[in-house]
Amino acid sequence: MSKQQAGFTLIELVMVIVILGILGATAIPKFVDLSDEAQQATTAGVAGALGSGSAINVAVRSLGNTADSVAVANCDDLDVTLDGGLPSAGYTITSLAIAPGGTSTCTLAGPTSTSATFTGHGIS
């Protein structure tokens, strides 16, 4: 009579663990640095919202509605175009003059040394 063996041998189990360890060691570095990329994307999103707010502000003013628009002579005047203003998580807009009717490339500095640019429109 022959004895039937069921299950895996110890060598097969060790090989599977080694292979999983190698795959894990190569995959982990790809996911460790995602927080920096997420913070940069957040800063870019806030900058995009500021650029959109600036464009909407110009459109509202050009329709003659001065009550719902704000005068903009500097990039840091644009924080009021966001509902609720800039997030309180350490965002600052670099001060740069914008001529009435002109545009300027404004810079938003975010937390953890991130930055993004947006277009600011000057309004008198």
C-alpha atoms as a PDB file:
ATOM      1  CA  MET A   1       0.000   0.000   0.000  1.00  0.00           C
ATOM      2  CA  SER A   2       1.206   3.452  -0.853  1.00  0.00           C
ATOM      3  CA  LYS A   3       0.647   6.394   1.402  1.00  0.00           C
ATOM      4  CA  GLN A   4      -0.928   9.486  -0.276  1.00  0.00           C
ATOM      5  CA  GLN A   5       0.486  12.829   0.641  1.00  0.00           C
ATOM      6  CA  ALA A   6      -1.847  15.854   1.003  1.00  0.00           C
ATOM      7  CA  GLY A   7      -0.840  19.530   1.202  1.00  0.00           C
ATOM      8  CA  PHE A   8       2.329  21.428   0.384  1.00  0.00           C
ATOM      9  CA  THR A   9       5.869  20.606   1.349  1.00  0.00           C
ATOM     10  CA  LEU A  10       7.909  22.909   3.544  1.00  0.00           C
ATOM     11  CA  ILE A  11      10.130  23.908   0.614  1.00  0.00           C
ATOM     12  CA  GLU A  12       7.136  24.946  -1.479  1.00  0.00           C
ATOM     13  CA  LEU A  13       5.815  27.129   1.348  1.00  0.00           C
ATOM     14  CA  VAL A  14       9.205  28.758   1.914  1.00  0.00           C
ATOM     15  CA  MET A  15       9.550  29.528  -1.806  1.00  0.00           C
ATOM     16  CA  VAL A  16       6.108  31.208  -1.862  1.00  0.00           C
ATOM     17  CA  ILE A  17       7.054  33.350   1.163  1.00  0.00           C
ATOM     18  CA  VAL A  18      10.360  34.356  -0.471  1.00  0.00           C
ATOM     19  CA  ILE A  19       8.618  35.311  -3.717  1.00  0.00           C
ATOM     20  CA  LEU A  20       6.003  37.370  -1.829  1.00  0.00           C
ATOM     21  CA  GLY A  21       8.791  39.097   0.112  1.00  0.00           C
ATOM     22  CA  ILE A  22      10.604  40.056  -3.087  1.00  0.00           C
ATOM     23  CA  LEU A  23       7.399  41.403  -4.653  1.00  0.00           C
ATOM     24  CA  GLY A  24       6.581  43.367  -1.493  1.00  0.00           C
ATOM     25  CA  ALA A  25      10.069  44.869  -1.293  1.00  0.00           C
ATOM     26  CA  THR A  26       9.844  46.150  -4.867  1.00  0.00           C
ATOM     27  CA  ALA A  27       6.266  47.473  -4.556  1.00  0.00           C
ATOM     28  CA  ILE A  28       6.513  49.345  -1.237  1.00  0.00           C
ATOM     29  CA  PRO A  29       8.781  52.213  -2.460  1.00  0.00           C
ATOM     30  CA  LYS A  30       6.240  53.044  -5.163  1.00  0.00           C
ATOM     31  CA  PHE A  31       3.555  53.755  -2.544  1.00  0.00           C
ATOM     32  CA  VAL A  32       5.630  55.357   0.211  1.00  0.00           C
ATOM     33  CA  ASP A  33       6.105  58.713  -1.543  1.00  0.00           C
ATOM     34  CA  LEU A  34       2.460  59.318  -2.436  1.00  0.00           C
ATOM     35  CA  SER A  35       1.892  61.887   0.323  1.00  0.00           C
ATOM     36  CA  ASP A  36       4.223  64.420  -1.346  1.00  0.00           C
ATOM     37  CA  GLU A  37       2.461  63.968  -4.673  1.00  0.00           C
ATOM     38  CA  ALA A  38      -0.936  64.318  -2.992  1.00  0.00           C
ATOM     39  CA  GLN A  39       0.120  67.573  -1.303  1.00  0.00           C
ATOM     40  CA  GLN A  40       1.400  68.968  -4.630  1.00  0.00           C
ATOM     41  CA  ALA A  41      -1.887  68.005  -6.304  1.00  0.00           C
ATOM     42  CA  THR A  42      -3.836  69.731  -3.523  1.00  0.00           C
ATOM     43  CA  THR A  43      -1.819  72.914  -3.947  1.00  0.00           C
ATOM     44  CA  ALA A  44      -2.370  72.770  -7.715  1.00  0.00           C
ATOM     45  CA  GLY A  45      -6.109  72.317  -7.106  1.00  0.00           C
ATOM     46  CA  VAL A  46      -6.296  75.378  -4.851  1.00  0.00           C
ATOM     47  CA  ALA A  47      -4.324  77.368  -7.457  1.00  0.00           C
ATOM     48  CA  GLY A  48      -6.754  76.238 -10.140  1.00  0.00           C
ATOM     49  CA  ALA A  49      -9.672  77.361  -7.995  1.00  0.00           C
ATOM     50  CA  LEU A  50      -8.022  80.774  -7.527  1.00  0.00           C
ATOM     51  CA  GLY A  51      -7.521  81.116 -11.293  1.00  0.00           C
ATOM     52  CA  SER A  52     -11.159  80.206 -11.918  1.00  0.00           C
ATOM     53  CA  GLY A  53     -12.312  82.617  -9.226  1.00  0.00           C
ATOM     54  CA  SER A  54     -10.283  85.375 -10.839  1.00  0.00           C
ATOM     55  CA  ALA A  55     -11.801  84.681 -14.259  1.00  0.00           C
ATOM     56  CA  ILE A  56     -15.332  84.589 -12.820  1.00  0.00           C
ATOM     57  CA  ASN A  57     -14.654  87.849 -10.982  1.00  0.00           C
ATOM     58  CA  VAL A  58     -13.684  89.506 -14.285  1.00  0.00           C
ATOM     59  CA  ALA A  59     -16.780  88.116 -16.013  1.00  0.00           C
ATOM     60  CA  VAL A  60     -19.094  89.369 -13.267  1.00  0.00           C
ATOM     61  CA  ARG A  61     -17.463  92.822 -13.296  1.00  0.00           C
ATOM     62  CA  SER A  62     -17.663  93.022 -17.110  1.00  0.00           C
ATOM     63  CA  LEU A  63     -21.420  92.454 -16.859  1.00  0.00           C
ATOM     64  CA  GLY A  64     -21.607  95.590 -14.731  1.00  0.00           C
ATOM     65  CA  ASN A  65     -22.245  93.865 -11.417  1.00  0.00           C
ATOM     66  CA  THR A  66     -19.825  95.668  -9.099  1.00  0.00           C
ATOM     67  CA  ALA A  67     -21.592  94.506  -5.918  1.00  0.00           C
ATOM     68  CA  ASP A  68     -20.702  90.841  -6.517  1.00  0.00           C
ATOM     69  CA  SER A  69     -17.119  91.409  -7.704  1.00  0.00           C
ATOM     70  CA  VAL A  70     -13.977  92.704  -6.050  1.00  0.00           C
ATOM     71  CA  ALA A  71     -11.273  95.077  -7.223  1.00  0.00           C
ATOM     72  CA  VAL A  72      -7.954  93.309  -7.825  1.00  0.00           C
ATOM     73  CA  ALA A  73      -4.672  95.223  -7.945  1.00  0.00           C
ATOM     74  CA  ASN A  74      -2.445  92.493  -6.525  1.00  0.00           C
ATOM     75  CA  CYS A  75      -2.307  88.706  -6.613  1.00  0.00           C
ATOM     76  CA  ASP A  76      -3.002  88.414  -2.906  1.00  0.00           C
ATOM     77  CA  ASP A  77      -6.313  90.270  -3.412  1.00  0.00           C
ATOM     78  CA  LEU A  78      -7.623  87.128  -5.124  1.00  0.00           C
ATOM     79  CA  ASP A  79      -8.052  85.083  -1.942  1.00  0.00           C
ATOM     80  CA  VAL A  80     -11.537  86.566  -1.508  1.00  0.00           C
ATOM     81  CA  THR A  81     -12.660  85.058  -4.819  1.00  0.00           C
ATOM     82  CA  LEU A  82     -12.764  81.659  -3.098  1.00  0.00           C
ATOM     83  CA  ASP A  83     -15.851  80.866  -1.048  1.00  0.00           C
ATOM     84  CA  GLY A  84     -14.500  81.017   2.500  1.00  0.00           C
ATOM     85  CA  GLY A  85     -11.088  82.337   1.401  1.00  0.00           C
ATOM     86  CA  LEU A  86      -7.853  80.397   1.281  1.00  0.00           C
ATOM     87  CA  PRO A  87      -7.695  77.155   3.257  1.00  0.00           C
ATOM     88  CA  SER A  88      -6.150  77.700   6.687  1.00  0.00           C
ATOM     89  CA  ALA A  89      -3.602  74.907   6.150  1.00  0.00           C
ATOM     90  CA  GLY A  90      -0.679  77.218   5.353  1.00  0.00           C
ATOM     91  CA  TYR A  91      -1.398  78.567   1.872  1.00  0.00           C
ATOM     92  CA  THR A  92      -0.065  81.998   0.905  1.00  0.00           C
ATOM     93  CA  ILE A  93      -0.231  83.963  -2.333  1.00  0.00           C
ATOM     94  CA  THR A  94       2.934  85.756  -3.407  1.00  0.00           C
ATOM     95  CA  SER A  95       2.334  89.500  -3.692  1.00  0.00           C
ATOM     96  CA  LEU A  96       2.583  90.723  -7.301  1.00  0.00           C
ATOM     97  CA  ALA A  97       0.959  93.817  -8.818  1.00  0.00           C
ATOM     98  CA  ILE A  98      -1.612  93.345 -11.566  1.00  0.00           C
ATOM     99  CA  ALA A  99      -2.513  96.268 -13.829  1.00  0.00           C
ATOM    100  CA  PRO A 100      -6.237  96.929 -14.334  1.00  0.00           C
ATOM    101  CA  GLY A 101      -7.365  94.991 -17.391  1.00  0.00           C
ATOM    102  CA  GLY A 102      -4.131  93.002 -17.410  1.00  0.00           C
ATOM    103  CA  THR A 103      -3.100  89.579 -16.230  1.00  0.00           C
ATOM    104  CA  SER A 104      -0.252  88.262 -14.139  1.00  0.00           C
ATOM    105  CA  THR A 105       1.084  84.828 -13.320  1.00  0.00           C
ATOM    106  CA  CYS A 106       0.585  84.531  -9.578  1.00  0.00           C
ATOM    107  CA  THR A 107       2.239  81.942  -7.330  1.00  0.00           C
ATOM    108  CA  LEU A 108       0.547  80.018  -4.543  1.00  0.00           C
ATOM    109  CA  ALA A 109       2.822  78.559  -1.862  1.00  0.00           C
ATOM    110  CA  GLY A 110       1.350  75.607  -0.027  1.00  0.00           C
ATOM    111  CA  PRO A 111       2.324  73.495   2.951  1.00  0.00           C
ATOM    112  CA  THR A 112       5.438  71.292   2.816  1.00  0.00           C
ATOM    113  CA  SER A 113       7.157  73.588   0.274  1.00  0.00           C
ATOM    114  CA  THR A 114       4.698  72.955  -2.558  1.00  0.00           C
ATOM    115  CA  SER A 115       3.825  75.669  -5.052  1.00  0.00           C
ATOM    116  CA  ALA A 116       1.653  76.222  -8.105  1.00  0.00           C
ATOM    117  CA  THR A 117       0.884  79.103 -10.446  1.00  0.00           C
ATOM    118  CA  PHE A 118      -2.383  80.575 -11.676  1.00  0.00           C
ATOM    119  CA  THR A 119      -3.473  83.539 -13.787  1.00  0.00           C
ATOM    120  CA  GLY A 120      -4.736  86.591 -11.937  1.00  0.00           C
ATOM    121  CA  HIS A 121      -6.812  89.259 -13.688  1.00  0.00           C
ATOM    122  CA  GLY A 122      -6.567  92.908 -12.638  1.00  0.00           C
ATOM    123  CA  ILE A 123      -9.746  94.877 -12.060  1.00  0.00           C
ATOM    124  CA  SER A 124     -10.073  98.508 -10.964  1.00  0.00           C
END
